[in-house]
């Protein structure tokens, strides 16, 4: 492949060689810049997809809380002590 390039360069007009080199350099820079921006956009898109997926699927903890609300209330209830539950006639 390299030999083909050198043959083409030999046949090119000597006045056009510097322009061809400059164009190649700019093309390489533009390709690199395009890849950079494409990578940034892909990363941003991935973040947004992850965020949407988390919103669409609630956490298991909140789902469990919604499914069994009475169980959560029992845990929070304060039970009276045994002494206060005894009939007053025994003491």
C-alpha atoms as a PDB file:
ATOM      1  CA  UNK A   1       0.000   0.000   0.000  1.00  0.00           C
ATOM      2  CA  UNK A   2       2.841   2.361   0.796  1.00  0.00           C
ATOM      3  CA  UNK A   3       4.440   1.835  -2.614  1.00  0.00           C
ATOM      4  CA  UNK A   4       1.179   2.888  -4.293  1.00  0.00           C
ATOM      5  CA  UNK A   5       1.158   6.116  -2.312  1.00  0.00           C
ATOM      6  CA  UNK A   6       4.741   6.915  -3.230  1.00  0.00           C
ATOM      7  CA  UNK A   7       3.967   6.304  -6.925  1.00  0.00           C
ATOM      8  CA  UNK A   8       1.001   8.638  -6.741  1.00  0.00           C
ATOM      9  CA  UNK A   9       3.101  11.263  -4.971  1.00  0.00           C
ATOM     10  CA  UNK A  10       5.824  10.995  -7.619  1.00  0.00           C
ATOM     11  CA  UNK A  11       3.292  11.586 -10.384  1.00  0.00           C
ATOM     12  CA  UNK A  12       1.666  14.542  -8.607  1.00  0.00           C
ATOM     13  CA  UNK A  13       2.466  18.071  -9.623  1.00  0.00           C
ATOM     14  CA  UNK A  14       5.301  19.314  -7.349  1.00  0.00           C
ATOM     15  CA  UNK A  15       3.330  22.487  -6.657  1.00  0.00           C
ATOM     16  CA  UNK A  16       0.419  20.409  -5.304  1.00  0.00           C
ATOM     17  CA  UNK A  17       2.469  18.214  -2.939  1.00  0.00           C
ATOM     18  CA  UNK A  18       2.503  20.685  -0.008  1.00  0.00           C
ATOM     19  CA  UNK A  19      -1.238  21.212  -0.400  1.00  0.00           C
ATOM     20  CA  UNK A  20      -1.877  17.469  -0.429  1.00  0.00           C
ATOM     21  CA  UNK A  21       0.147  17.046   2.774  1.00  0.00           C
ATOM     22  CA  UNK A  22      -1.733  19.868   4.465  1.00  0.00           C
ATOM     23  CA  UNK A  23      -5.078  18.432   3.392  1.00  0.00           C
ATOM     24  CA  UNK A  24      -4.111  15.008   4.733  1.00  0.00           C
ATOM     25  CA  UNK A  25      -3.090  16.540   8.049  1.00  0.00           C
ATOM     26  CA  UNK A  26      -6.376  18.434   8.348  1.00  0.00           C
ATOM     27  CA  UNK A  27      -8.343  15.344   7.366  1.00  0.00           C
ATOM     28  CA  UNK A  28      -6.601  13.401  10.144  1.00  0.00           C
ATOM     29  CA  UNK A  29      -7.330  16.139  12.673  1.00  0.00           C
ATOM     30  CA  UNK A  30     -10.982  16.292  11.654  1.00  0.00           C
ATOM     31  CA  UNK A  31     -11.324  12.518  11.867  1.00  0.00           C
ATOM     32  CA  UNK A  32      -9.853  12.569  15.375  1.00  0.00           C
ATOM     33  CA  UNK A  33     -12.164  15.384  16.430  1.00  0.00           C
ATOM     34  CA  UNK A  34     -15.165  13.555  15.005  1.00  0.00           C
ATOM     35  CA  UNK A  35     -14.233  10.393  16.913  1.00  0.00           C
ATOM     36  CA  UNK A  36     -13.820  12.426  20.099  1.00  0.00           C
ATOM     37  CA  UNK A  37     -17.273  13.994  19.804  1.00  0.00           C
ATOM     38  CA  UNK A  38     -18.871  10.689  18.833  1.00  0.00           C
ATOM     39  CA  UNK A  39     -17.381   9.131  21.976  1.00  0.00           C
ATOM     40  CA  UNK A  40     -18.687  11.973  24.130  1.00  0.00           C
ATOM     41  CA  UNK A  41     -22.178  11.649  22.680  1.00  0.00           C
ATOM     42  CA  UNK A  42     -22.163   7.884  23.134  1.00  0.00           C
ATOM     43  CA  UNK A  43     -21.166   8.301  26.779  1.00  0.00           C
ATOM     44  CA  UNK A  44     -23.868  10.898  27.373  1.00  0.00           C
ATOM     45  CA  UNK A  45     -26.469   8.692  25.703  1.00  0.00           C
ATOM     46  CA  UNK A  46     -25.406   5.744  27.855  1.00  0.00           C
ATOM     47  CA  UNK A  47     -25.827   7.834  31.028  1.00  0.00           C
ATOM     48  CA  UNK A  48     -29.313   8.878  29.961  1.00  0.00           C
ATOM     49  CA  UNK A  49     -30.327   5.316  29.108  1.00  0.00           C
ATOM     50  CA  UNK A  50     -29.148   4.123  32.529  1.00  0.00           C
ATOM     51  CA  UNK A  51     -31.105   6.927  34.218  1.00  0.00           C
ATOM     52  CA  UNK A  52     -34.275   6.062  32.310  1.00  0.00           C
ATOM     53  CA  UNK A  53     -33.873   2.370  33.078  1.00  0.00           C
ATOM     54  CA  UNK A  54     -33.576   3.140  36.796  1.00  0.00           C
ATOM     55  CA  UNK A  55     -36.716   5.278  36.668  1.00  0.00           C
ATOM     56  CA  UNK A  56     -38.657   2.612  34.780  1.00  0.00           C
ATOM     57  CA  UNK A  57     -37.766  -0.132  37.261  1.00  0.00           C
ATOM     58  CA  UNK A  58     -38.220   0.943  40.882  1.00  0.00           C
ATOM     59  CA  UNK A  59     -35.873  -0.436  43.469  1.00  0.00           C
ATOM     60  CA  UNK A  60     -36.815  -3.742  45.084  1.00  0.00           C
ATOM     61  CA  UNK A  61     -36.974  -2.111  48.489  1.00  0.00           C
ATOM     62  CA  UNK A  62     -39.680   0.373  47.493  1.00  0.00           C
ATOM     63  CA  UNK A  63     -41.598  -2.349  45.627  1.00  0.00           C
ATOM     64  CA  UNK A  64     -41.551  -4.550  48.735  1.00  0.00           C
ATOM     65  CA  UNK A  65     -42.731  -1.634  50.850  1.00  0.00           C
ATOM     66  CA  UNK A  66     -45.683  -1.047  48.503  1.00  0.00           C
ATOM     67  CA  UNK A  67     -46.585  -4.742  48.341  1.00  0.00           C
ATOM     68  CA  UNK A  68     -46.664  -5.309  52.123  1.00  0.00           C
ATOM     69  CA  UNK A  69     -47.630  -2.069  53.845  1.00  0.00           C
ATOM     70  CA  UNK A  70     -49.043  -3.705  56.999  1.00  0.00           C
ATOM     71  CA  UNK A  71     -45.772  -5.448  57.782  1.00  0.00           C
ATOM     72  CA  UNK A  72     -43.978  -2.123  57.890  1.00  0.00           C
ATOM     73  CA  UNK A  73     -46.530  -0.688  60.305  1.00  0.00           C
ATOM     74  CA  UNK A  74     -46.098  -3.572  62.756  1.00  0.00           C
ATOM     75  CA  UNK A  75     -42.377  -2.964  63.024  1.00  0.00           C
ATOM     76  CA  UNK A  76     -42.890   0.678  63.895  1.00  0.00           C
ATOM     77  CA  UNK A  77     -45.569   0.067  66.551  1.00  0.00           C
ATOM     78  CA  UNK A  78     -44.464   0.433  70.149  1.00  0.00           C
ATOM     79  CA  UNK A  79     -45.825  -2.414  72.249  1.00  0.00           C
ATOM     80  CA  UNK A  80     -46.796  -1.713  75.857  1.00  0.00           C
ATOM     81  CA  UNK A  81     -44.535  -3.231  78.474  1.00  0.00           C
ATOM     82  CA  UNK A  82     -45.716  -6.330  80.403  1.00  0.00           C
ATOM     83  CA  UNK A  83     -46.008  -4.382  83.646  1.00  0.00           C
ATOM     84  CA  UNK A  84     -48.492  -1.914  82.203  1.00  0.00           C
ATOM     85  CA  UNK A  85     -50.492  -4.789  80.657  1.00  0.00           C
ATOM     86  CA  UNK A  86     -51.100  -6.556  84.042  1.00  0.00           C
ATOM     87  CA  UNK A  87     -54.440  -6.060  85.720  1.00  0.00           C
ATOM     88  CA  UNK A  88     -54.196  -3.640  88.636  1.00  0.00           C
ATOM     89  CA  UNK A  89     -56.104  -6.027  90.983  1.00  0.00           C
ATOM     90  CA  UNK A  90     -53.104  -8.441  91.214  1.00  0.00           C
ATOM     91  CA  UNK A  91     -50.687  -5.924  92.711  1.00  0.00           C
END
